Amino acid sequence: MSAAPKTFSVLPPTGSPGPLWLRGLARLPLPVLRAAGWLLGAALYGLAPKRRAVAVRNLALCFPHASAAQRRAWLWQTFRHFGQAFVDRVWLWHAPPEVVARRVRLEGAWQVLAAPGPVVVFAPHFVGLDAAWTRLTQAIAREWAGVYAPQVNERLDRWVWQGRHRFGQPKIMSRREGLRGLARALRAGAAIYLLPDMDFGAAQSVFVPFFGVAAATVTSLPRLAALAGAPVVAVVARLDRRGYRVWVGPPWAQYPSGDDEADARRMNAELEAWIAEAPGQYHWLHRRFKTRPPGQPPVY
């Protein structure tokens, strides 16, 4: 991906409130938008059998002792919440700022992110990722940085790119830059929004348990924190009927420890506890176990 996606006439320049039709949709009551998201989730459930099979397999691997009925309920919740979070981007990125502030409530130690100096924000793949990013960049005036994965559809790519730039002037870089761009931002005192809880291959990964299953886990969280002497702060976003709750935890004590494998184990253990509170809000559509330890057969 280039420094920025191409500009399309359907969308205005970065930083503007968006075209009239999106601003109009953003003013619809939240229950109406959530109903639209429900329909989108139902459509994806029926039309994306490969993704559904991945989610079924993930849930079976991670929750082998749950009943089949319970795993089916979590499967449906995964698609429903995915669809609702996608539609919620309309009001997150185009509703008046006061609507965003009212619907996305910050909880916990979020004021710690306003302190000067670098910080690594551990943001797991819950459906509220965009809600948390939007609200944090709105509420906390500081340097922010994150990594952007380009979308296949160019119009969607432009919309997502602009939406994630709505508040402040964050530095959002292509995934191709790897850790180098994030490291530069950290050294400059930024808060980086890091999403390391997916399978990015064997390179720079260690195999540590995730719900008891060996998972290729990147060590970028402790490595970046150690590089800049930055604290690690977790952000967990929960979708609810009023919008979202965004919980910010206190800085992790004695982290990083200097042992990348031990630090990766801790990251996964912390994540497991948050997922257990709401399994249907995690991104089970990703092939989390696609990279297997040497000698182990594929699971998908």
C-alpha atoms as a PDB file:
ATOM      1  CA  MET A   1       0.000   0.000   0.000  1.00  0.00           C
ATOM      2  CA  SER A   2       1.214   3.487  -0.774  1.00  0.00           C
ATOM      3  CA  ALA A   3       1.468   6.279   1.783  1.00  0.00           C
ATOM      4  CA  ALA A   4      -2.245   6.903   1.355  1.00  0.00           C
ATOM      5  CA  PRO A   5      -4.994   5.268  -0.676  1.00  0.00           C
ATOM      6  CA  LYS A   6      -6.280   6.886  -3.856  1.00  0.00           C
ATOM      7  CA  THR A   7      -8.873   9.634  -3.533  1.00  0.00           C
ATOM      8  CA  PHE A   8     -12.382   8.919  -4.812  1.00  0.00           C
ATOM      9  CA  SER A   9     -14.952  11.555  -5.579  1.00  0.00           C
ATOM     10  CA  VAL A  10     -17.602   9.817  -3.496  1.00  0.00           C
ATOM     11  CA  LEU A  11     -15.686  10.687  -0.335  1.00  0.00           C
ATOM     12  CA  PRO A  12     -14.339  14.045   0.857  1.00  0.00           C
ATOM     13  CA  PRO A  13     -10.769  14.755   1.973  1.00  0.00           C
ATOM     14  CA  THR A  14      -9.523  13.319   5.249  1.00  0.00           C
ATOM     15  CA  GLY A  15     -10.804  15.156   8.304  1.00  0.00           C
ATOM     16  CA  SER A  16     -14.150  16.286   6.873  1.00  0.00           C
ATOM     17  CA  PRO A  17     -17.424  15.039   8.355  1.00  0.00           C
ATOM     18  CA  GLY A  18     -18.274  13.002   5.270  1.00  0.00           C
ATOM     19  CA  PRO A  19     -20.841  13.195   2.475  1.00  0.00           C
ATOM     20  CA  LEU A  20     -24.399  14.191   3.246  1.00  0.00           C
ATOM     21  CA  TRP A  21     -25.845  10.727   2.733  1.00  0.00           C
ATOM     22  CA  LEU A  22     -23.488   9.195   5.311  1.00  0.00           C
ATOM     23  CA  ARG A  23     -24.108  12.049   7.732  1.00  0.00           C
ATOM     24  CA  GLY A  24     -27.812  11.416   7.258  1.00  0.00           C
ATOM     25  CA  LEU A  25     -27.467   7.712   8.027  1.00  0.00           C
ATOM     26  CA  ALA A  26     -25.348   8.558  11.061  1.00  0.00           C
ATOM     27  CA  ARG A  27     -28.274  10.443  12.588  1.00  0.00           C
ATOM     28  CA  LEU A  28     -30.540   7.388  12.593  1.00  0.00           C
ATOM     29  CA  PRO A  29     -31.341   6.024  16.068  1.00  0.00           C
ATOM     30  CA  LEU A  30     -28.843   3.490  17.320  1.00  0.00           C
ATOM     31  CA  PRO A  31     -31.438   0.650  17.486  1.00  0.00           C
ATOM     32  CA  VAL A  32     -32.153   1.145  13.766  1.00  0.00           C
ATOM     33  CA  LEU A  33     -28.458   0.973  12.889  1.00  0.00           C
ATOM     34  CA  ARG A  34     -27.973  -2.047  15.115  1.00  0.00           C
ATOM     35  CA  ALA A  35     -30.880  -3.774  13.355  1.00  0.00           C
ATOM     36  CA  ALA A  36     -29.146  -3.092  10.033  1.00  0.00           C
ATOM     37  CA  GLY A  37     -25.971  -4.577  11.488  1.00  0.00           C
ATOM     38  CA  TRP A  38     -27.933  -7.634  12.611  1.00  0.00           C
ATOM     39  CA  LEU A  39     -29.117  -8.146   9.037  1.00  0.00           C
ATOM     40  CA  LEU A  40     -25.582  -7.724   7.707  1.00  0.00           C
ATOM     41  CA  GLY A  41     -24.287 -10.267  10.200  1.00  0.00           C
ATOM     42  CA  ALA A  42     -27.025 -12.726   9.225  1.00  0.00           C
ATOM     43  CA  ALA A  43     -26.139 -12.284   5.548  1.00  0.00           C
ATOM     44  CA  LEU A  44     -22.450 -12.887   6.220  1.00  0.00           C
ATOM     45  CA  TYR A  45     -23.311 -15.944   8.291  1.00  0.00           C
ATOM     46  CA  GLY A  46     -25.129 -17.439   5.317  1.00  0.00           C
ATOM     47  CA  LEU A  47     -22.880 -16.200   2.506  1.00  0.00           C
ATOM     48  CA  ALA A  48     -19.417 -16.773   3.994  1.00  0.00           C
ATOM     49  CA  PRO A  49     -19.230 -20.535   4.648  1.00  0.00           C
ATOM     50  CA  LYS A  50     -15.420 -20.597   4.692  1.00  0.00           C
ATOM     51  CA  ARG A  51     -15.230 -17.930   7.388  1.00  0.00           C
ATOM     52  CA  ARG A  52     -18.005 -19.656   9.290  1.00  0.00           C
ATOM     53  CA  ALA A  53     -16.034 -22.914   9.168  1.00  0.00           C
ATOM     54  CA  VAL A  54     -12.940 -21.125  10.513  1.00  0.00           C
ATOM     55  CA  ALA A  55     -14.935 -19.696  13.408  1.00  0.00           C
ATOM     56  CA  VAL A  56     -16.497 -23.093  14.152  1.00  0.00           C
ATOM     57  CA  ARG A  57     -13.052 -24.661  14.284  1.00  0.00           C
ATOM     58  CA  ASN A  58     -11.599 -21.888  16.460  1.00  0.00           C
ATOM     59  CA  LEU A  59     -14.409 -22.150  18.983  1.00  0.00           C
ATOM     60  CA  ALA A  60     -14.107 -25.945  19.114  1.00  0.00           C
ATOM     61  CA  LEU A  61     -10.353 -25.724  19.725  1.00  0.00           C
ATOM     62  CA  CYS A  62     -10.580 -22.985  22.341  1.00  0.00           C
ATOM     63  CA  PHE A  63     -13.706 -24.160  24.174  1.00  0.00           C
ATOM     64  CA  PRO A  64     -13.677 -27.977  23.898  1.00  0.00           C
ATOM     65  CA  HIS A  65     -15.663 -28.376  27.115  1.00  0.00           C
ATOM     66  CA  ALA A  66     -18.480 -26.022  26.100  1.00  0.00           C
ATOM     67  CA  SER A  67     -21.646 -27.599  24.784  1.00  0.00           C
ATOM     68  CA  ALA A  68     -22.330 -27.642  21.055  1.00  0.00           C
ATOM     69  CA  ALA A  69     -25.328 -25.375  21.667  1.00  0.00           C
ATOM     70  CA  GLN A  70     -23.181 -22.850  23.514  1.00  0.00           C
ATOM     71  CA  ARG A  71     -20.577 -22.784  20.750  1.00  0.00           C
ATOM     72  CA  ARG A  72     -23.331 -22.302  18.145  1.00  0.00           C
ATOM     73  CA  ALA A  73     -24.623 -19.340  20.156  1.00  0.00           C
ATOM     74  CA  TRP A  74     -21.139 -17.803  20.270  1.00  0.00           C
ATOM     75  CA  LEU A  75     -20.764 -18.431  16.532  1.00  0.00           C
ATOM     76  CA  TRP A  76     -23.926 -16.506  15.744  1.00  0.00           C
ATOM     77  CA  GLN A  77     -22.942 -13.728  18.157  1.00  0.00           C
ATOM     78  CA  THR A  78     -19.590 -13.453  16.367  1.00  0.00           C
ATOM     79  CA  PHE A  79     -21.282 -12.726  13.031  1.00  0.00           C
ATOM     80  CA  ARG A  80     -23.975 -10.514  14.542  1.00  0.00           C
ATOM     81  CA  HIS A  81     -21.513  -8.374  16.451  1.00  0.00           C
ATOM     82  CA  PHE A  82     -19.203  -8.200  13.427  1.00  0.00           C
ATOM     83  CA  GLY A  83     -22.053  -6.849  11.297  1.00  0.00           C
ATOM     84  CA  GLN A  84     -23.198  -4.403  13.951  1.00  0.00           C
ATOM     85  CA  ALA A  85     -19.674  -3.081  14.536  1.00  0.00           C
ATOM     86  CA  PHE A  86     -19.253  -2.579  10.783  1.00  0.00           C
ATOM     87  CA  VAL A  87     -22.450  -0.519  10.533  1.00  0.00           C
ATOM     88  CA  ASP A  88     -21.500   1.390  13.688  1.00  0.00           C
ATOM     89  CA  ARG A  89     -18.618   2.910  11.741  1.00  0.00           C
ATOM     90  CA  VAL A  90     -21.229   5.127  10.075  1.00  0.00           C
ATOM     91  CA  TRP A  91     -21.945   7.033  13.277  1.00  0.00           C
ATOM     92  CA  LEU A  92     -18.432   6.668  14.685  1.00  0.00           C
ATOM     93  CA  TRP A  93     -17.024   8.474  11.657  1.00  0.00           C
ATOM     94  CA  HIS A  94     -19.908  10.715  10.554  1.00  0.00           C
ATOM     95  CA  ALA A  95     -22.158  11.532  13.521  1.00  0.00           C
ATOM     96  CA  PRO A  96     -21.543  14.753  15.472  1.00  0.00           C
ATOM     97  CA  PRO A  97     -18.619  14.431  17.912  1.00  0.00           C
ATOM     98  CA  GLU A  98     -20.924  14.689  20.915  1.00  0.00           C
ATOM     99  CA  VAL A  99     -22.752  11.545  19.747  1.00  0.00           C
ATOM    100  CA  VAL A 100     -19.487   9.615  19.661  1.00  0.00           C
ATOM    101  CA  ALA A 101     -18.558  10.887  23.128  1.00  0.00           C
ATOM    102  CA  ARG A 102     -21.944   9.879  24.535  1.00  0.00           C
ATOM    103  CA  ARG A 103     -22.119   6.414  22.996  1.00  0.00           C
ATOM    104  CA  VAL A 104     -18.516   5.347  23.550  1.00  0.00           C
ATOM    105  CA  ARG A 105     -17.823   5.480  27.281  1.00  0.00           C
ATOM    106  CA  LEU A 106     -14.275   5.384  28.576  1.00  0.00           C
ATOM    107  CA  GLU A 107     -13.725   3.384  31.741  1.00  0.00           C
ATOM    108  CA  GLY A 108     -10.797   2.389  33.904  1.00  0.00           C
ATOM    109  CA  ALA A 109      -7.417   4.097  33.923  1.00  0.00           C
ATOM    110  CA  TRP A 110      -7.787   5.852  30.573  1.00  0.00           C
ATOM    111  CA  GLN A 111      -6.236   9.074  31.950  1.00  0.00           C
ATOM    112  CA  VAL A 112      -2.870   7.282  32.034  1.00  0.00           C
ATOM    113  CA  LEU A 113      -2.816   7.563  28.252  1.00  0.00           C
ATOM    114  CA  ALA A 114      -2.745  11.359  28.540  1.00  0.00           C
ATOM    115  CA  ALA A 115       0.594  11.313  30.359  1.00  0.00           C
ATOM    116  CA  PRO A 116       3.569  12.453  28.262  1.00  0.00           C
ATOM    117  CA  GLY A 117       5.954   9.896  26.866  1.00  0.00           C
ATOM    118  CA  PRO A 118       5.662   6.747  24.781  1.00  0.00           C
ATOM    119  CA  VAL A 119       3.130   4.035  25.559  1.00  0.00           C
ATOM    120  CA  VAL A 120       2.206   0.752  23.885  1.00  0.00           C
ATOM    121  CA  VAL A 121      -1.540   0.143  23.772  1.00  0.00           C
ATOM    122  CA  PHE A 122      -2.410  -3.550  23.539  1.00  0.00           C
ATOM    123  CA  ALA A 123      -5.702  -3.598  21.615  1.00  0.00           C
ATOM    124  CA  PRO A 124      -6.956  -7.163  21.034  1.00  0.00           C
ATOM    125  CA  HIS A 125      -9.258  -8.011  18.138  1.00  0.00           C
ATOM    126  CA  PHE A 126     -12.626  -7.429  19.760  1.00  0.00           C
ATOM    127  CA  VAL A 127     -15.387  -6.028  17.558  1.00  0.00           C
ATOM    128  CA  GLY A 128     -15.093  -2.615  19.209  1.00  0.00           C
ATOM    129  CA  LEU A 129     -11.574  -1.898  17.932  1.00  0.00           C
ATOM    130  CA  ASP A 130     -12.639   1.053  15.779  1.00  0.00           C
ATOM    131  CA  ALA A 131     -14.876   2.444  18.510  1.00  0.00           C
ATOM    132  CA  ALA A 132     -11.984   2.417  20.974  1.00  0.00           C
ATOM    133  CA  TRP A 133      -9.550   4.030  18.529  1.00  0.00           C
ATOM    134  CA  THR A 134     -12.048   6.708  17.516  1.00  0.00           C
ATOM    135  CA  ARG A 135     -12.937   7.635  21.084  1.00  0.00           C
ATOM    136  CA  LEU A 136      -9.378   7.600  22.395  1.00  0.00           C
ATOM    137  CA  THR A 137      -8.100   9.825  19.600  1.00  0.00           C
ATOM    138  CA  GLN A 138     -11.053  12.136  20.241  1.00  0.00           C
ATOM    139  CA  ALA A 139     -10.667  12.325  24.022  1.00  0.00           C
ATOM    140  CA  ILE A 140      -6.883  12.347  24.425  1.00  0.00           C
ATOM    141  CA  ALA A 141      -4.878  14.989  22.592  1.00  0.00           C
ATOM    142  CA  ARG A 142      -1.494  13.408  22.030  1.00  0.00           C
ATOM    143  CA  GLU A 143       0.517  11.713  19.290  1.00  0.00           C
ATOM    144  CA  TRP A 144      -1.132   8.481  18.169  1.00  0.00           C
ATOM    145  CA  ALA A 145       0.151   5.863  15.749  1.00  0.00           C
ATOM    146  CA  GLY A 146      -1.142   2.603  14.364  1.00  0.00           C
ATOM    147  CA  VAL A 147      -0.856   0.106  11.535  1.00  0.00           C
ATOM    148  CA  TYR A 148      -3.281  -0.086   8.636  1.00  0.00           C
ATOM    149  CA  ALA A 149      -4.178  -3.230   6.661  1.00  0.00           C
ATOM    150  CA  PRO A 150      -5.503  -2.155   3.234  1.00  0.00           C
ATOM    151  CA  GLN A 151      -8.972  -3.270   2.216  1.00  0.00           C
ATOM    152  CA  VAL A 152      -9.523  -5.152  -1.035  1.00  0.00           C
ATOM    153  CA  ASN A 153     -12.286  -2.810  -2.204  1.00  0.00           C
ATOM    154  CA  GLU A 154     -10.823   0.607  -3.040  1.00  0.00           C
ATOM    155  CA  ARG A 155     -13.866   2.628  -1.983  1.00  0.00           C
ATOM    156  CA  LEU A 156     -14.053   0.763   1.302  1.00  0.00           C
ATOM    157  CA  ASP A 157     -10.305   1.249   1.708  1.00  0.00           C
ATOM    158  CA  ARG A 158     -10.637   5.012   1.367  1.00  0.00           C
ATOM    159  CA  TRP A 159     -13.580   5.151   3.763  1.00  0.00           C
ATOM    160  CA  VAL A 160     -11.780   3.164   6.459  1.00  0.00           C
ATOM    161  CA  TRP A 161      -8.574   5.173   5.975  1.00  0.00           C
ATOM    162  CA  GLN A 162     -10.422   8.465   6.387  1.00  0.00           C
ATOM    163  CA  GLY A 163     -12.531   7.224   9.285  1.00  0.00           C
ATOM    164  CA  ARG A 164      -9.494   6.237  11.292  1.00  0.00           C
ATOM    165  CA  HIS A 165      -8.098   9.729  10.769  1.00  0.00           C
ATOM    166  CA  ARG A 166     -11.254  11.471  12.004  1.00  0.00           C
ATOM    167  CA  PHE A 167      -9.881  12.894  15.251  1.00  0.00           C
ATOM    168  CA  GLY A 168      -6.448  14.319  15.844  1.00  0.00           C
ATOM    169  CA  GLN A 169      -3.661  13.755  13.370  1.00  0.00           C
ATOM    170  CA  PRO A 170      -2.658  10.140  13.975  1.00  0.00           C
ATOM    171  CA  LYS A 171       0.168   8.494  12.090  1.00  0.00           C
ATOM    172  CA  ILE A 172      -1.313   5.426  10.428  1.00  0.00           C
ATOM    173  CA  MET A 173       1.213   3.421   8.443  1.00  0.00           C
ATOM    174  CA  SER A 174       1.057   0.443   6.151  1.00  0.00           C
ATOM    175  CA  ARG A 175       1.677  -2.989   7.589  1.00  0.00           C
ATOM    176  CA  ARG A 176       4.527  -3.252   5.088  1.00  0.00           C
ATOM    177  CA  GLU A 177       6.536  -0.901   7.282  1.00  0.00           C
ATOM    178  CA  GLY A 178       6.458  -3.538   9.996  1.00  0.00           C
ATOM    179  CA  LEU A 179       7.785  -2.568  13.386  1.00  0.00           C
ATOM    180  CA  ARG A 180      10.109   0.095  12.023  1.00  0.00           C
ATOM    181  CA  GLY A 181       7.439   2.759  11.646  1.00  0.00           C
ATOM    182  CA  LEU A 182       5.971   1.992  15.047  1.00  0.00           C
ATOM    183  CA  ALA A 183       9.420   2.088  16.609  1.00  0.00           C
ATOM    184  CA  ARG A 184      10.053   5.545  15.134  1.00  0.00           C
ATOM    185  CA  ALA A 185       6.717   6.777  16.478  1.00  0.00           C
ATOM    186  CA  LEU A 186       7.463   5.366  19.932  1.00  0.00           C
ATOM    187  CA  ARG A 187      10.859   7.034  20.053  1.00  0.00           C
ATOM    188  CA  ALA A 188       9.102  10.305  19.221  1.00  0.00           C
ATOM    189  CA  GLY A 189       6.846   9.850  22.270  1.00  0.00           C
ATOM    190  CA  ALA A 190       3.684   8.518  20.613  1.00  0.00           C
ATOM    191  CA  ALA A 191       1.075   6.107  21.910  1.00  0.00           C
ATOM    192  CA  ILE A 192       0.973   3.190  19.481  1.00  0.00           C
ATOM    193  CA  TYR A 193      -2.168   1.106  18.997  1.00  0.00           C
ATOM    194  CA  LEU A 194      -0.887  -2.453  18.638  1.00  0.00           C
ATOM    195  CA  LEU A 195      -2.917  -5.490  17.551  1.00  0.00           C
ATOM    196  CA  PRO A 196      -0.532  -8.443  17.984  1.00  0.00           C
ATOM    197  CA  ASP A 197      -3.059 -11.193  18.764  1.00  0.00           C
ATOM    198  CA  MET A 198      -3.284 -12.765  15.303  1.00  0.00           C
ATOM    199  CA  ASP A 199      -1.252 -15.357  13.428  1.00  0.00           C
ATOM    200  CA  PHE A 200       1.309 -13.414  11.370  1.00  0.00           C
ATOM    201  CA  GLY A 201       3.400 -16.466  10.515  1.00  0.00           C
ATOM    202  CA  ALA A 202       6.400 -18.107  12.110  1.00  0.00           C
ATOM    203  CA  ALA A 203       8.825 -15.243  11.602  1.00  0.00           C
ATOM    204  CA  GLN A 204       9.446 -13.344  14.850  1.00  0.00           C
ATOM    205  CA  SER A 205       6.874 -15.556  16.600  1.00  0.00           C
ATOM    206  CA  VAL A 206       7.020 -18.057  19.415  1.00  0.00           C
ATOM    207  CA  PHE A 207       4.649 -20.951  19.959  1.00  0.00           C
ATOM    208  CA  VAL A 208       2.828 -20.437  23.240  1.00  0.00           C
ATOM    209  CA  PRO A 209      -0.589 -21.624  24.428  1.00  0.00           C
ATOM    210  CA  PHE A 210      -3.769 -19.817  23.483  1.00  0.00           C
ATOM    211  CA  PHE A 211      -6.650 -21.556  25.248  1.00  0.00           C
ATOM    212  CA  GLY A 212      -4.342 -24.560  25.558  1.00  0.00           C
ATOM    213  CA  VAL A 213      -3.496 -24.743  21.846  1.00  0.00           C
ATOM    214  CA  ALA A 214      -0.009 -23.898  20.591  1.00  0.00           C
ATOM    215  CA  ALA A 215      -0.338 -20.613  18.670  1.00  0.00           C
ATOM    216  CA  ALA A 216       2.265 -18.671  16.702  1.00  0.00           C
ATOM    217  CA  THR A 217       2.411 -15.447  18.706  1.00  0.00           C
ATOM    218  CA  VAL A 218       4.439 -12.433  17.654  1.00  0.00           C
ATOM    219  CA  THR A 219       6.650 -10.834  20.284  1.00  0.00           C
ATOM    220  CA  SER A 220       6.152  -7.265  19.089  1.00  0.00           C
ATOM    221  CA  LEU A 221       4.416  -6.204  22.312  1.00  0.00           C
ATOM    222  CA  PRO A 222       7.372  -6.783  24.663  1.00  0.00           C
ATOM    223  CA  ARG A 223       9.960  -5.886  22.023  1.00  0.00           C
ATOM    224  CA  LEU A 224       8.481  -2.470  21.284  1.00  0.00           C
ATOM    225  CA  ALA A 225       7.910  -1.732  24.960  1.00  0.00           C
ATOM    226  CA  ALA A 226      11.527  -2.601  25.734  1.00  0.00           C
ATOM    227  CA  LEU A 227      12.804  -0.569  22.794  1.00  0.00           C
ATOM    228  CA  ALA A 228      11.349   2.690  24.095  1.00  0.00           C
ATOM    229  CA  GLY A 229      11.100   1.898  27.798  1.00  0.00           C
ATOM    230  CA  ALA A 230       7.339   2.306  27.339  1.00  0.00           C
ATOM    231  CA  PRO A 231       4.589   0.968  29.596  1.00  0.00           C
ATOM    232  CA  VAL A 232       2.033  -1.466  28.172  1.00  0.00           C
ATOM    233  CA  VAL A 233      -1.626  -0.570  28.658  1.00  0.00           C
ATOM    234  CA  ALA A 234      -4.496  -2.816  27.547  1.00  0.00           C
ATOM    235  CA  VAL A 235      -7.670  -1.513  25.914  1.00  0.00           C
ATOM    236  CA  VAL A 236     -10.732  -3.765  25.704  1.00  0.00           C
ATOM    237  CA  ALA A 237     -13.849  -2.559  23.881  1.00  0.00           C
ATOM    238  CA  ARG A 238     -17.267  -4.080  24.541  1.00  0.00           C
ATOM    239  CA  LEU A 239     -20.324  -3.543  22.342  1.00  0.00           C
ATOM    240  CA  ASP A 240     -23.580  -3.014  24.256  1.00  0.00           C
ATOM    241  CA  ARG A 241     -27.042  -1.550  23.701  1.00  0.00           C
ATOM    242  CA  ARG A 242     -25.917   2.001  24.460  1.00  0.00           C
ATOM    243  CA  GLY A 243     -22.903   1.868  22.161  1.00  0.00           C
ATOM    244  CA  TYR A 244     -19.570   0.714  23.573  1.00  0.00           C
ATOM    245  CA  ARG A 245     -17.695   0.465  26.834  1.00  0.00           C
ATOM    246  CA  VAL A 246     -13.960   0.974  26.404  1.00  0.00           C
ATOM    247  CA  TRP A 247     -11.978  -0.259  29.389  1.00  0.00           C
ATOM    248  CA  VAL A 248      -8.378   0.908  29.790  1.00  0.00           C
ATOM    249  CA  GLY A 249      -6.310  -1.071  32.241  1.00  0.00           C
ATOM    250  CA  PRO A 250      -3.396   0.118  34.373  1.00  0.00           C
ATOM    251  CA  PRO A 251       0.168  -0.271  33.071  1.00  0.00           C
ATOM    252  CA  TRP A 252       1.350  -3.862  33.293  1.00  0.00           C
ATOM    253  CA  ALA A 253       3.757  -4.438  36.165  1.00  0.00           C
ATOM    254  CA  GLN A 254       7.144  -6.033  35.448  1.00  0.00           C
ATOM    255  CA  TYR A 255       6.525  -6.099  31.720  1.00  0.00           C
ATOM    256  CA  PRO A 256       8.435  -6.747  29.591  1.00  0.00           C
ATOM    257  CA  SER A 257      10.394  -9.241  31.627  1.00  0.00           C
ATOM    258  CA  GLY A 258      13.239  -9.751  29.178  1.00  0.00           C
ATOM    259  CA  ASP A 259      11.954 -13.216  28.254  1.00  0.00           C
ATOM    260  CA  ASP A 260       9.963 -12.927  25.013  1.00  0.00           C
ATOM    261  CA  GLU A 261       8.338 -16.334  25.383  1.00  0.00           C
ATOM    262  CA  ALA A 262       7.201 -15.635  28.947  1.00  0.00           C
ATOM    263  CA  ASP A 263       5.878 -12.230  27.858  1.00  0.00           C
ATOM    264  CA  ALA A 264       3.955 -13.791  24.946  1.00  0.00           C
ATOM    265  CA  ARG A 265       2.460 -16.317  27.354  1.00  0.00           C
ATOM    266  CA  ARG A 266       1.328 -13.508  29.631  1.00  0.00           C
ATOM    267  CA  MET A 267      -0.212 -11.597  26.742  1.00  0.00           C
ATOM    268  CA  ASN A 268      -2.252 -14.621  25.685  1.00  0.00           C
ATOM    269  CA  ALA A 269      -3.286 -15.395  29.260  1.00  0.00           C
ATOM    270  CA  GLU A 270      -4.539 -11.838  29.788  1.00  0.00           C
ATOM    271  CA  LEU A 271      -6.420 -12.019  26.489  1.00  0.00           C
ATOM    272  CA  GLU A 272      -8.030 -15.345  27.378  1.00  0.00           C
ATOM    273  CA  ALA A 273      -9.503 -13.813  30.537  1.00  0.00           C
ATOM    274  CA  TRP A 274     -11.072 -10.933  28.595  1.00  0.00           C
ATOM    275  CA  ILE A 275     -12.434 -13.241  25.888  1.00  0.00           C
ATOM    276  CA  ALA A 276     -14.008 -15.503  28.516  1.00  0.00           C
ATOM    277  CA  GLU A 277     -16.153 -12.564  29.639  1.00  0.00           C
ATOM    278  CA  ALA A 278     -17.729 -12.208  26.164  1.00  0.00           C
ATOM    279  CA  PRO A 279     -16.625 -14.912  23.710  1.00  0.00           C
ATOM    280  CA  GLY A 280     -19.083 -13.737  21.060  1.00  0.00           C
ATOM    281  CA  GLN A 281     -17.326 -10.380  20.711  1.00  0.00           C
ATOM    282  CA  TYR A 282     -13.922 -11.703  19.676  1.00  0.00           C
ATOM    283  CA  HIS A 283     -12.755 -11.990  16.062  1.00  0.00           C
ATOM    284  CA  TRP A 284     -12.978 -15.762  15.606  1.00  0.00           C
ATOM    285  CA  LEU A 285     -13.146 -15.384  11.812  1.00  0.00           C
ATOM    286  CA  HIS A 286      -9.338 -15.239  11.602  1.00  0.00           C
ATOM    287  CA  ARG A 287      -7.324 -18.457  11.231  1.00  0.00           C
ATOM    288  CA  ARG A 288      -5.541 -18.018  14.535  1.00  0.00           C
ATOM    289  CA  PHE A 289      -3.882 -21.438  14.354  1.00  0.00           C
ATOM    290  CA  LYS A 290      -2.913 -21.552  10.675  1.00  0.00           C
ATOM    291  CA  THR A 291       0.829 -21.690  11.498  1.00  0.00           C
ATOM    292  CA  ARG A 292       1.617 -24.955  13.240  1.00  0.00           C
ATOM    293  CA  PRO A 293       4.683 -26.015  15.204  1.00  0.00           C
ATOM    294  CA  PRO A 294       7.095 -28.206  13.220  1.00  0.00           C
ATOM    295  CA  GLY A 295       5.647 -31.666  12.664  1.00  0.00           C
ATOM    296  CA  GLN A 296       2.069 -30.783  13.601  1.00  0.00           C
ATOM    297  CA  PRO A 297      -0.711 -31.159  11.002  1.00  0.00           C
ATOM    298  CA  PRO A 298      -2.891 -28.210   9.898  1.00  0.00           C
ATOM    299  CA  VAL A 299      -6.095 -27.623  11.835  1.00  0.00           C
ATOM    300  CA  TYR A 300      -8.139 -25.948   9.080  1.00  0.00           C
END
